[in-house]
């Protein structure tokens, strides 16, 4: 998948010029994730040495706290607070203040697939998190059926190789109804893979 991010990003019909693309494994699928940095949070994490936050319990607690507003420690689950890494919150004199937010925003998940039916299933896993598309190696024979099915589910269809690609069905815009701990975990898991050094890979 090494050349796919560039091929997909350059496909006519996708507004991804400001997004970076990375090959990651999320929701049990290999995917090209187009994402944008939350630069202030990345800078803050660099300064305090905070990496990805991947404890679901910690993220549930953080999600329940307002950003940068003090909350009394008496209303916090202290066991969950112990799981929160340094730099994610500030604790002072009986108050806790959430500092951390998600470090990236996901724009589009593109799932490579050999068949459009498999592509629909794999891309469907990303419905709660961002826009979705499948990348097929060649145009499907039953193109009208594919267009109808993909359009119904809001999943884009891209056909191409590492050298060139074209959009047959544009992905539906993603509408975030609410921010959840599961959505935050998805972004942290992606961030951990995106920032992993070659020695860790």
N, C-alpha and C. Protein backbone atom coordinates (compact mmCIF):
# COMPACT_ATOMS: atom_id res chain seq x y z
N UNK A 1 0.82 -1.21 0.00
CA UNK A 1 0.00 0.00 0.00
C UNK A 1 0.85 1.26 0.00
N UNK A 2 2.15 1.13 -0.22
CA UNK A 2 3.04 2.27 -0.02
C UNK A 2 2.71 3.46 -0.89
N UNK A 3 2.30 3.25 -2.14
CA UNK A 3 2.02 4.37 -3.03
C UNK A 3 0.57 4.80 -3.06
N UNK A 4 -0.31 4.07 -2.37
CA UNK A 4 -1.74 4.37 -2.46
C UNK A 4 -2.14 5.71 -1.86
N UNK A 5 -1.57 6.16 -0.74
CA UNK A 5 -2.02 7.45 -0.21
C UNK A 5 -1.92 8.58 -1.21
N UNK A 6 -0.80 8.65 -1.95
CA UNK A 6 -0.63 9.73 -2.92
C UNK A 6 -1.60 9.58 -4.08
N UNK A 7 -1.81 8.35 -4.54
CA UNK A 7 -2.73 8.12 -5.65
C UNK A 7 -4.14 8.52 -5.28
N UNK A 8 -4.56 8.16 -4.07
CA UNK A 8 -5.92 8.48 -3.63
C UNK A 8 -6.07 9.98 -3.43
N UNK A 9 -5.10 10.60 -2.76
CA UNK A 9 -5.18 12.03 -2.48
C UNK A 9 -5.26 12.84 -3.77
N UNK A 10 -4.63 12.33 -4.84
CA UNK A 10 -4.63 13.05 -6.10
C UNK A 10 -5.82 12.75 -6.99
N UNK A 11 -6.72 11.89 -6.54
CA UNK A 11 -7.87 11.53 -7.37
C UNK A 11 -8.82 12.71 -7.51
N UNK A 12 -9.21 13.03 -8.76
CA UNK A 12 -10.17 14.12 -8.95
C UNK A 12 -11.47 13.81 -8.22
N UNK A 13 -12.05 14.81 -7.58
CA UNK A 13 -13.33 14.61 -6.89
C UNK A 13 -13.19 14.46 -5.39
N UNK A 14 -11.94 14.40 -4.88
CA UNK A 14 -11.72 14.31 -3.44
C UNK A 14 -11.02 15.58 -2.97
N UNK A 15 -11.62 16.29 -2.02
CA UNK A 15 -11.04 17.53 -1.50
C UNK A 15 -10.15 17.19 -0.31
N UNK A 16 -8.94 16.70 -0.60
CA UNK A 16 -8.05 16.24 0.46
C UNK A 16 -6.72 16.97 0.43
N UNK A 17 -6.66 18.13 -0.19
CA UNK A 17 -5.38 18.79 -0.38
C UNK A 17 -4.70 19.16 0.93
N UNK A 18 -5.48 19.43 1.98
CA UNK A 18 -4.88 19.83 3.26
C UNK A 18 -4.60 18.64 4.17
N UNK A 19 -5.06 17.46 3.79
CA UNK A 19 -4.92 16.29 4.64
C UNK A 19 -3.66 15.50 4.29
N UNK A 20 -3.07 14.90 5.32
CA UNK A 20 -1.99 13.94 5.13
C UNK A 20 -2.62 12.56 5.04
N UNK A 21 -1.89 11.61 4.49
CA UNK A 21 -2.41 10.25 4.36
C UNK A 21 -1.40 9.27 4.92
N UNK A 22 -1.91 8.28 5.66
CA UNK A 22 -1.05 7.27 6.27
C UNK A 22 -1.71 5.90 6.13
N UNK A 23 -0.89 4.87 5.92
CA UNK A 23 -1.38 3.49 5.91
C UNK A 23 -1.35 2.97 7.33
N UNK A 24 -2.51 2.61 7.85
CA UNK A 24 -2.64 2.14 9.23
C UNK A 24 -3.57 0.93 9.26
N UNK A 25 -3.63 0.26 10.41
CA UNK A 25 -4.58 -0.83 10.62
C UNK A 25 -5.53 -0.40 11.73
N UNK A 26 -6.81 -0.25 11.38
CA UNK A 26 -7.83 0.19 12.33
C UNK A 26 -9.09 -0.62 12.10
N UNK A 27 -9.82 -0.89 13.16
CA UNK A 27 -11.07 -1.66 13.06
C UNK A 27 -10.85 -2.99 12.34
N UNK A 28 -9.67 -3.56 12.51
CA UNK A 28 -9.36 -4.85 11.91
C UNK A 28 -9.12 -4.82 10.41
N UNK A 29 -8.88 -3.62 9.85
CA UNK A 29 -8.68 -3.51 8.39
C UNK A 29 -7.50 -2.61 8.09
N UNK A 30 -6.75 -2.96 7.05
CA UNK A 30 -5.72 -2.05 6.54
C UNK A 30 -6.42 -0.93 5.80
N UNK A 31 -6.00 0.29 6.06
CA UNK A 31 -6.72 1.44 5.54
C UNK A 31 -5.75 2.59 5.27
N UNK A 32 -6.07 3.38 4.24
CA UNK A 32 -5.36 4.63 4.02
C UNK A 32 -6.21 5.71 4.70
N UNK A 33 -5.67 6.27 5.79
CA UNK A 33 -6.42 7.27 6.56
C UNK A 33 -5.91 8.66 6.21
N UNK A 34 -6.83 9.48 5.72
CA UNK A 34 -6.52 10.89 5.45
C UNK A 34 -6.90 11.68 6.69
N UNK A 35 -5.96 12.45 7.20
CA UNK A 35 -6.13 13.10 8.50
C UNK A 35 -5.47 14.47 8.51
N UNK A 36 -5.93 15.30 9.43
CA UNK A 36 -5.33 16.63 9.62
C UNK A 36 -4.89 16.75 11.07
N UNK A 37 -3.78 17.43 11.32
CA UNK A 37 -3.30 17.58 12.69
C UNK A 37 -4.11 18.61 13.46
N UNK A 38 -4.22 18.39 14.76
CA UNK A 38 -4.69 19.43 15.68
C UNK A 38 -3.39 20.03 16.24
N UNK A 39 -2.86 21.03 15.55
CA UNK A 39 -1.49 21.46 15.78
C UNK A 39 -1.22 21.93 17.20
N UNK A 40 -2.15 22.66 17.79
CA UNK A 40 -1.93 23.14 19.16
C UNK A 40 -1.77 21.96 20.12
N UNK A 41 -2.56 20.90 19.92
CA UNK A 41 -2.45 19.72 20.79
C UNK A 41 -1.16 18.96 20.53
N UNK A 42 -0.76 18.85 19.26
CA UNK A 42 0.51 18.19 18.96
C UNK A 42 1.67 18.92 19.59
N UNK A 43 1.66 20.25 19.51
CA UNK A 43 2.72 21.05 20.12
C UNK A 43 2.73 20.87 21.64
N UNK A 44 1.54 20.87 22.23
CA UNK A 44 1.44 20.72 23.68
C UNK A 44 1.96 19.34 24.11
N UNK A 45 1.59 18.30 23.36
CA UNK A 45 2.06 16.95 23.70
C UNK A 45 3.56 16.83 23.57
N UNK A 46 4.13 17.47 22.57
CA UNK A 46 5.58 17.43 22.41
C UNK A 46 6.27 18.07 23.62
N UNK A 47 5.72 19.20 24.06
CA UNK A 47 6.33 19.91 25.19
C UNK A 47 6.30 19.10 26.48
N UNK A 48 5.19 18.37 26.70
CA UNK A 48 5.07 17.63 27.97
C UNK A 48 5.42 16.15 27.84
N UNK A 49 5.77 15.70 26.63
CA UNK A 49 6.18 14.31 26.45
C UNK A 49 5.03 13.32 26.43
N UNK A 50 3.84 13.78 26.10
CA UNK A 50 2.66 12.91 26.06
C UNK A 50 2.51 12.29 24.68
N UNK A 51 2.42 10.97 24.63
CA UNK A 51 2.19 10.26 23.38
C UNK A 51 0.70 9.97 23.20
N UNK A 52 0.40 8.87 22.52
CA UNK A 52 -0.99 8.48 22.30
C UNK A 52 -1.61 7.99 23.61
N UNK A 53 -2.87 8.33 23.80
CA UNK A 53 -3.63 7.87 24.98
C UNK A 53 -4.53 6.74 24.50
N UNK A 54 -4.20 5.51 24.89
CA UNK A 54 -4.94 4.37 24.33
C UNK A 54 -5.69 3.55 25.39
N UNK A 55 -5.79 4.05 26.60
CA UNK A 55 -6.58 3.36 27.62
C UNK A 55 -8.05 3.77 27.45
N UNK A 56 -8.95 2.83 27.14
CA UNK A 56 -10.37 3.20 27.01
C UNK A 56 -10.93 3.82 28.29
N UNK A 57 -10.51 3.31 29.46
CA UNK A 57 -11.01 3.86 30.72
C UNK A 57 -10.56 5.31 30.90
N UNK A 58 -9.30 5.58 30.57
CA UNK A 58 -8.79 6.95 30.68
C UNK A 58 -9.55 7.88 29.73
N UNK A 59 -9.80 7.42 28.52
CA UNK A 59 -10.50 8.26 27.55
C UNK A 59 -11.95 8.48 27.93
N UNK A 60 -12.57 7.48 28.56
CA UNK A 60 -13.94 7.68 29.05
C UNK A 60 -13.97 8.78 30.10
N UNK A 61 -13.01 8.74 31.02
CA UNK A 61 -12.95 9.77 32.04
C UNK A 61 -12.69 11.15 31.41
N UNK A 62 -11.72 11.21 30.52
CA UNK A 62 -11.39 12.48 29.87
C UNK A 62 -12.58 13.03 29.09
N UNK A 63 -13.32 12.14 28.42
CA UNK A 63 -14.47 12.58 27.63
C UNK A 63 -15.56 13.20 28.51
N UNK A 64 -15.61 12.79 29.77
CA UNK A 64 -16.62 13.32 30.69
C UNK A 64 -16.22 14.67 31.28
N UNK A 65 -14.96 15.07 31.08
CA UNK A 65 -14.48 16.34 31.63
C UNK A 65 -14.51 17.43 30.57
N UNK A 66 -14.91 18.63 30.93
CA UNK A 66 -14.82 19.74 29.97
C UNK A 66 -13.35 20.10 29.75
N UNK A 67 -13.03 20.62 28.58
CA UNK A 67 -11.65 21.00 28.28
C UNK A 67 -11.32 22.30 29.01
N UNK A 68 -10.21 22.27 29.74
CA UNK A 68 -9.64 23.45 30.37
C UNK A 68 -10.54 24.11 31.41
N UNK A 69 -11.45 23.35 31.99
CA UNK A 69 -12.31 23.89 33.05
C UNK A 69 -12.12 23.04 34.30
N UNK A 70 -11.87 23.66 35.46
CA UNK A 70 -11.63 22.87 36.67
C UNK A 70 -12.88 22.15 37.16
N UNK A 71 -12.68 20.90 37.57
CA UNK A 71 -13.75 20.10 38.15
C UNK A 71 -13.25 19.59 39.51
N UNK A 72 -14.14 19.49 40.50
CA UNK A 72 -13.69 18.99 41.80
C UNK A 72 -13.30 17.52 41.72
N UNK A 73 -12.18 17.20 42.37
CA UNK A 73 -11.71 15.81 42.37
C UNK A 73 -12.73 14.87 43.00
N UNK A 74 -13.59 15.40 43.83
CA UNK A 74 -14.57 14.56 44.53
C UNK A 74 -15.56 13.90 43.57
N UNK A 75 -15.73 14.46 42.38
CA UNK A 75 -16.69 13.87 41.42
C UNK A 75 -16.01 12.97 40.39
N UNK A 76 -14.70 12.76 40.54
CA UNK A 76 -13.93 11.99 39.56
C UNK A 76 -13.70 10.57 40.08
N UNK A 77 -13.75 9.60 39.19
CA UNK A 77 -13.40 8.22 39.50
C UNK A 77 -11.88 8.16 39.67
N UNK A 78 -11.43 8.06 40.91
CA UNK A 78 -9.99 8.13 41.18
C UNK A 78 -9.23 6.96 40.55
N UNK A 79 -9.85 5.78 40.48
CA UNK A 79 -9.17 4.62 39.85
C UNK A 79 -8.92 4.90 38.37
N UNK A 80 -9.91 5.50 37.70
CA UNK A 80 -9.72 5.84 36.28
C UNK A 80 -8.70 6.95 36.13
N UNK A 81 -8.69 7.90 37.07
CA UNK A 81 -7.73 9.01 37.00
C UNK A 81 -6.29 8.49 37.08
N UNK A 82 -6.08 7.40 37.81
CA UNK A 82 -4.74 6.81 37.90
C UNK A 82 -4.25 6.27 36.56
N UNK A 83 -5.18 5.98 35.63
CA UNK A 83 -4.82 5.46 34.31
C UNK A 83 -4.49 6.58 33.32
N UNK A 84 -4.82 7.81 33.67
CA UNK A 84 -4.60 8.94 32.77
C UNK A 84 -3.12 9.30 32.78
N UNK A 85 -2.47 9.33 31.61
CA UNK A 85 -1.03 9.62 31.59
C UNK A 85 -0.73 11.08 31.93
N UNK A 86 0.51 11.30 32.38
CA UNK A 86 0.95 12.65 32.70
C UNK A 86 0.83 13.54 31.46
N UNK A 87 0.32 14.73 31.69
CA UNK A 87 0.16 15.68 30.59
C UNK A 87 -1.24 15.73 30.03
N UNK A 88 -2.09 14.75 30.40
CA UNK A 88 -3.47 14.75 29.90
C UNK A 88 -4.38 15.60 30.77
N UNK A 89 -4.07 15.66 32.06
CA UNK A 89 -4.84 16.49 32.98
C UNK A 89 -3.88 17.24 33.89
N UNK A 90 -4.43 18.24 34.57
CA UNK A 90 -3.68 18.96 35.60
C UNK A 90 -4.48 18.82 36.89
N UNK A 91 -3.83 18.32 37.92
CA UNK A 91 -4.48 18.16 39.23
C UNK A 91 -3.83 19.14 40.19
N UNK A 92 -4.66 19.93 40.87
CA UNK A 92 -4.12 20.95 41.76
C UNK A 92 -5.14 21.29 42.85
N UNK A 93 -4.76 21.08 44.09
CA UNK A 93 -5.55 21.50 45.26
C UNK A 93 -7.01 21.06 45.20
N UNK A 94 -7.20 19.79 44.92
CA UNK A 94 -8.56 19.27 44.94
C UNK A 94 -9.36 19.49 43.66
N UNK A 95 -8.69 19.98 42.63
CA UNK A 95 -9.36 20.22 41.34
C UNK A 95 -8.61 19.49 40.24
N UNK A 96 -9.32 19.09 39.21
CA UNK A 96 -8.71 18.47 38.04
C UNK A 96 -9.18 19.23 36.80
N UNK A 97 -8.24 19.47 35.92
CA UNK A 97 -8.54 20.19 34.67
C UNK A 97 -8.06 19.35 33.50
N UNK A 98 -8.96 19.08 32.58
CA UNK A 98 -8.57 18.31 31.38
C UNK A 98 -7.82 19.22 30.42
N UNK A 99 -6.64 18.74 29.99
CA UNK A 99 -5.82 19.45 29.02
C UNK A 99 -5.88 18.80 27.63
N UNK A 100 -5.97 17.48 27.60
CA UNK A 100 -5.84 16.73 26.34
C UNK A 100 -7.11 16.80 25.49
N UNK A 101 -6.88 16.87 24.21
CA UNK A 101 -7.92 16.69 23.19
C UNK A 101 -7.35 15.73 22.16
N UNK A 102 -8.15 15.29 21.22
CA UNK A 102 -7.65 14.38 20.18
C UNK A 102 -6.57 15.09 19.37
N UNK A 103 -5.47 14.40 19.03
CA UNK A 103 -4.35 15.04 18.34
C UNK A 103 -4.51 15.18 16.83
N UNK A 104 -5.46 14.46 16.26
CA UNK A 104 -5.71 14.55 14.82
C UNK A 104 -7.22 14.53 14.57
N UNK A 105 -7.61 14.95 13.39
CA UNK A 105 -8.98 14.79 12.91
C UNK A 105 -8.95 13.87 11.70
N UNK A 106 -9.79 12.85 11.70
CA UNK A 106 -9.86 11.92 10.56
C UNK A 106 -10.81 12.50 9.51
N UNK A 107 -10.38 12.52 8.26
CA UNK A 107 -11.20 13.04 7.17
C UNK A 107 -11.81 11.93 6.32
N UNK A 108 -10.99 10.96 5.93
CA UNK A 108 -11.46 9.91 5.02
C UNK A 108 -10.67 8.63 5.25
N UNK A 109 -11.38 7.51 5.39
CA UNK A 109 -10.75 6.20 5.47
C UNK A 109 -11.00 5.49 4.13
N UNK A 110 -9.93 5.09 3.47
CA UNK A 110 -10.02 4.40 2.19
C UNK A 110 -9.53 2.97 2.38
N UNK A 111 -10.43 2.02 2.13
CA UNK A 111 -10.13 0.61 2.34
C UNK A 111 -9.87 -0.06 0.99
N UNK A 112 -8.65 -0.56 0.75
CA UNK A 112 -8.41 -1.32 -0.47
C UNK A 112 -9.20 -2.63 -0.43
N UNK A 113 -9.80 -3.00 -1.56
CA UNK A 113 -10.59 -4.23 -1.62
C UNK A 113 -10.51 -4.81 -3.03
N UNK A 114 -10.60 -6.13 -3.12
CA UNK A 114 -10.59 -6.78 -4.43
C UNK A 114 -11.98 -6.77 -5.06
N UNK A 115 -13.01 -6.79 -4.21
CA UNK A 115 -14.38 -6.75 -4.73
C UNK A 115 -15.16 -5.65 -4.04
N UNK A 116 -16.18 -5.12 -4.71
CA UNK A 116 -16.93 -4.01 -4.13
C UNK A 116 -17.76 -4.45 -2.93
N UNK A 117 -18.21 -5.71 -2.93
CA UNK A 117 -18.99 -6.19 -1.78
C UNK A 117 -18.11 -6.24 -0.51
N UNK A 118 -16.89 -6.75 -0.66
CA UNK A 118 -15.97 -6.76 0.47
C UNK A 118 -15.63 -5.33 0.88
N UNK A 119 -15.48 -4.46 -0.10
CA UNK A 119 -15.18 -3.05 0.19
C UNK A 119 -16.28 -2.37 0.98
N UNK A 120 -17.55 -2.66 0.63
CA UNK A 120 -18.66 -2.09 1.38
C UNK A 120 -18.61 -2.51 2.85
N UNK A 121 -18.34 -3.80 3.07
CA UNK A 121 -18.29 -4.30 4.44
C UNK A 121 -17.17 -3.69 5.25
N UNK A 122 -15.98 -3.62 4.66
CA UNK A 122 -14.83 -3.08 5.39
C UNK A 122 -14.97 -1.58 5.61
N UNK A 123 -15.38 -0.87 4.59
CA UNK A 123 -15.54 0.58 4.74
C UNK A 123 -16.64 0.93 5.74
N UNK A 124 -17.65 0.06 5.82
CA UNK A 124 -18.74 0.31 6.74
C UNK A 124 -18.31 0.38 8.19
N UNK A 125 -17.19 -0.26 8.53
CA UNK A 125 -16.69 -0.25 9.91
C UNK A 125 -16.32 1.16 10.38
N UNK A 126 -16.09 2.07 9.42
CA UNK A 126 -15.60 3.40 9.78
C UNK A 126 -16.72 4.44 9.84
N UNK A 127 -17.96 3.99 9.73
CA UNK A 127 -19.10 4.92 9.72
C UNK A 127 -19.14 5.85 10.92
N UNK A 128 -18.80 5.41 12.14
CA UNK A 128 -18.89 6.34 13.28
C UNK A 128 -17.76 7.37 13.34
N UNK A 129 -16.75 7.25 12.46
CA UNK A 129 -15.53 8.01 12.67
C UNK A 129 -15.20 9.05 11.60
N UNK A 130 -15.52 8.78 10.34
CA UNK A 130 -15.12 9.71 9.27
C UNK A 130 -15.80 9.29 7.97
N UNK A 131 -15.57 10.05 6.91
CA UNK A 131 -16.04 9.64 5.58
C UNK A 131 -15.32 8.38 5.16
N UNK A 132 -15.95 7.61 4.25
CA UNK A 132 -15.40 6.30 3.90
C UNK A 132 -15.42 6.08 2.39
N UNK A 133 -14.45 5.29 1.95
CA UNK A 133 -14.41 4.91 0.53
C UNK A 133 -13.69 3.58 0.40
N UNK A 134 -13.95 2.91 -0.70
CA UNK A 134 -13.21 1.70 -1.04
C UNK A 134 -12.36 1.99 -2.26
N UNK A 135 -11.23 1.31 -2.35
CA UNK A 135 -10.34 1.45 -3.50
C UNK A 135 -10.27 0.11 -4.20
N UNK A 136 -10.78 0.06 -5.43
CA UNK A 136 -10.81 -1.17 -6.22
C UNK A 136 -9.70 -1.13 -7.26
N UNK A 137 -9.12 -2.30 -7.61
CA UNK A 137 -8.03 -2.31 -8.59
C UNK A 137 -8.50 -2.05 -10.02
N UNK A 138 -9.78 -2.32 -10.30
CA UNK A 138 -10.30 -2.09 -11.65
C UNK A 138 -11.80 -1.82 -11.56
N UNK A 139 -12.39 -1.21 -12.58
CA UNK A 139 -13.83 -0.93 -12.53
C UNK A 139 -14.64 -2.22 -12.44
N UNK A 140 -15.65 -2.26 -11.58
CA UNK A 140 -16.49 -3.46 -11.48
C UNK A 140 -17.37 -3.60 -12.71
N UNK A 141 -17.76 -4.84 -13.02
CA UNK A 141 -18.60 -5.09 -14.20
C UNK A 141 -20.02 -4.55 -13.99
N UNK A 142 -20.56 -4.74 -12.78
CA UNK A 142 -21.92 -4.29 -12.49
C UNK A 142 -21.90 -2.87 -11.91
N UNK A 143 -21.41 -1.94 -12.71
CA UNK A 143 -21.14 -0.59 -12.25
C UNK A 143 -22.38 0.14 -11.74
N UNK A 144 -23.52 -0.03 -12.39
CA UNK A 144 -24.73 0.66 -11.94
C UNK A 144 -25.17 0.17 -10.56
N UNK A 145 -25.06 -1.13 -10.33
CA UNK A 145 -25.41 -1.69 -9.02
C UNK A 145 -24.45 -1.16 -7.95
N UNK A 146 -23.18 -1.14 -8.28
CA UNK A 146 -22.17 -0.65 -7.33
C UNK A 146 -22.45 0.80 -6.97
N UNK A 147 -22.73 1.61 -7.98
CA UNK A 147 -23.02 3.03 -7.72
C UNK A 147 -24.23 3.19 -6.81
N UNK A 148 -25.27 2.42 -7.05
CA UNK A 148 -26.48 2.52 -6.26
C UNK A 148 -26.22 2.10 -4.81
N UNK A 149 -25.56 0.95 -4.63
CA UNK A 149 -25.29 0.44 -3.28
C UNK A 149 -24.36 1.39 -2.52
N UNK A 150 -23.27 1.81 -3.16
CA UNK A 150 -22.30 2.67 -2.49
C UNK A 150 -22.92 4.01 -2.13
N UNK A 151 -23.72 4.56 -3.03
CA UNK A 151 -24.37 5.84 -2.77
C UNK A 151 -25.36 5.72 -1.61
N UNK A 152 -26.06 4.60 -1.55
CA UNK A 152 -27.03 4.37 -0.46
C UNK A 152 -26.34 4.41 0.90
N UNK A 153 -25.15 3.80 1.00
CA UNK A 153 -24.43 3.74 2.27
C UNK A 153 -23.48 4.92 2.47
N UNK A 154 -23.36 5.77 1.47
CA UNK A 154 -22.47 6.93 1.60
C UNK A 154 -21.00 6.60 1.47
N UNK A 155 -20.71 5.46 0.86
CA UNK A 155 -19.33 5.00 0.72
C UNK A 155 -18.83 5.33 -0.68
N UNK A 156 -17.70 6.00 -0.74
CA UNK A 156 -17.11 6.34 -2.03
C UNK A 156 -16.51 5.13 -2.72
N UNK A 157 -16.42 5.21 -4.02
CA UNK A 157 -15.78 4.16 -4.82
C UNK A 157 -14.69 4.80 -5.65
N UNK A 158 -13.47 4.35 -5.43
CA UNK A 158 -12.30 4.84 -6.16
C UNK A 158 -11.70 3.64 -6.88
N UNK A 159 -11.34 3.83 -8.13
CA UNK A 159 -10.70 2.77 -8.91
C UNK A 159 -9.31 3.26 -9.27
N UNK A 160 -8.32 2.42 -9.03
CA UNK A 160 -6.99 2.85 -9.42
C UNK A 160 -5.88 1.99 -8.89
N UNK A 161 -4.67 2.44 -9.15
CA UNK A 161 -3.44 1.77 -8.74
C UNK A 161 -2.58 2.80 -8.01
N UNK A 162 -1.35 2.40 -7.71
CA UNK A 162 -0.44 3.33 -7.05
C UNK A 162 -0.08 4.52 -7.95
N UNK A 163 -0.28 4.38 -9.27
CA UNK A 163 0.11 5.45 -10.19
C UNK A 163 -1.03 6.41 -10.51
N UNK A 164 -2.26 5.90 -10.53
CA UNK A 164 -3.37 6.74 -10.99
C UNK A 164 -4.69 6.21 -10.42
N UNK A 165 -5.60 7.13 -10.13
CA UNK A 165 -6.90 6.70 -9.62
C UNK A 165 -7.98 7.68 -10.05
N UNK A 166 -9.23 7.21 -10.04
CA UNK A 166 -10.37 8.08 -10.35
C UNK A 166 -11.53 7.72 -9.44
N UNK A 167 -12.37 8.71 -9.16
CA UNK A 167 -13.50 8.53 -8.26
C UNK A 167 -14.74 8.21 -9.08
N UNK A 168 -15.32 7.02 -8.84
CA UNK A 168 -16.58 6.66 -9.50
C UNK A 168 -17.78 7.15 -8.70
N UNK A 169 -17.68 7.06 -7.37
CA UNK A 169 -18.73 7.55 -6.47
C UNK A 169 -18.04 8.34 -5.37
N UNK A 170 -18.35 9.63 -5.21
CA UNK A 170 -17.71 10.39 -4.13
C UNK A 170 -18.24 9.96 -2.77
N UNK A 171 -17.37 9.94 -1.76
CA UNK A 171 -17.84 9.59 -0.42
C UNK A 171 -18.76 10.67 0.15
N UNK A 172 -19.74 10.25 0.92
CA UNK A 172 -20.64 11.22 1.56
C UNK A 172 -19.87 11.99 2.63
N UNK A 173 -20.18 13.27 2.80
CA UNK A 173 -19.53 14.03 3.89
C UNK A 173 -19.87 13.41 5.24
N UNK A 174 -18.92 13.46 6.14
CA UNK A 174 -19.13 12.91 7.48
C UNK A 174 -19.78 13.96 8.37
N UNK A 175 -20.81 13.54 9.09
CA UNK A 175 -21.46 14.43 10.04
C UNK A 175 -21.30 13.85 11.44
N UNK A 176 -20.48 14.50 12.25
CA UNK A 176 -20.28 14.03 13.62
C UNK A 176 -21.44 14.50 14.49
N UNK A 177 -22.18 13.56 15.03
CA UNK A 177 -23.32 13.93 15.88
C UNK A 177 -22.89 14.25 17.29
N UNK A 178 -21.88 13.53 17.78
CA UNK A 178 -21.34 13.82 19.10
C UNK A 178 -19.96 13.21 19.22
N UNK A 179 -19.18 13.74 20.14
CA UNK A 179 -17.85 13.19 20.39
C UNK A 179 -17.95 12.13 21.48
N UNK A 180 -17.36 10.98 21.22
CA UNK A 180 -17.44 9.87 22.16
C UNK A 180 -16.03 9.38 22.51
N UNK A 181 -15.95 8.62 23.59
CA UNK A 181 -14.67 8.02 23.97
C UNK A 181 -14.20 7.04 22.90
N UNK A 182 -15.14 6.31 22.27
CA UNK A 182 -14.77 5.36 21.21
C UNK A 182 -14.19 6.09 20.00
N UNK A 183 -14.79 7.23 19.65
CA UNK A 183 -14.27 8.02 18.55
C UNK A 183 -12.90 8.59 18.85
N UNK A 184 -12.70 9.00 20.10
CA UNK A 184 -11.40 9.53 20.51
C UNK A 184 -10.35 8.41 20.48
N UNK A 185 -10.72 7.22 20.96
CA UNK A 185 -9.79 6.09 20.93
C UNK A 185 -9.37 5.77 19.50
N UNK A 186 -10.30 5.81 18.57
CA UNK A 186 -9.99 5.59 17.15
C UNK A 186 -8.89 6.55 16.69
N UNK A 187 -9.02 7.82 17.04
CA UNK A 187 -8.04 8.82 16.63
C UNK A 187 -6.69 8.61 17.32
N UNK A 188 -6.71 8.21 18.58
CA UNK A 188 -5.46 7.96 19.30
C UNK A 188 -4.74 6.73 18.74
N UNK A 189 -5.50 5.70 18.38
CA UNK A 189 -4.89 4.50 17.79
C UNK A 189 -4.26 4.83 16.44
N UNK A 190 -4.93 5.67 15.67
CA UNK A 190 -4.36 6.10 14.40
C UNK A 190 -3.11 6.94 14.63
N UNK A 191 -3.19 7.86 15.57
CA UNK A 191 -2.06 8.75 15.88
C UNK A 191 -0.83 7.94 16.32
N UNK A 192 -1.05 6.91 17.13
CA UNK A 192 0.06 6.08 17.60
C UNK A 192 0.77 5.43 16.41
N UNK A 193 0.01 4.95 15.43
CA UNK A 193 0.64 4.31 14.27
C UNK A 193 1.29 5.34 13.35
N UNK A 194 0.66 6.48 13.20
CA UNK A 194 1.19 7.52 12.33
C UNK A 194 2.52 8.04 12.83
N UNK A 195 2.67 8.13 14.15
CA UNK A 195 3.88 8.70 14.73
C UNK A 195 4.91 7.66 15.15
N UNK A 196 4.60 6.38 14.92
CA UNK A 196 5.53 5.32 15.30
C UNK A 196 6.83 5.44 14.50
N UNK A 197 7.94 5.33 15.18
CA UNK A 197 9.23 5.40 14.48
C UNK A 197 9.48 4.10 13.73
N UNK A 198 10.35 4.11 12.70
CA UNK A 198 10.64 2.89 11.94
C UNK A 198 11.13 1.76 12.85
N UNK A 199 11.85 2.09 13.92
CA UNK A 199 12.37 1.04 14.82
C UNK A 199 11.24 0.35 15.57
N UNK A 200 10.11 1.06 15.77
CA UNK A 200 8.98 0.48 16.49
C UNK A 200 8.07 -0.31 15.58
N UNK A 201 8.12 -0.05 14.28
CA UNK A 201 7.17 -0.65 13.34
C UNK A 201 7.36 -2.15 13.24
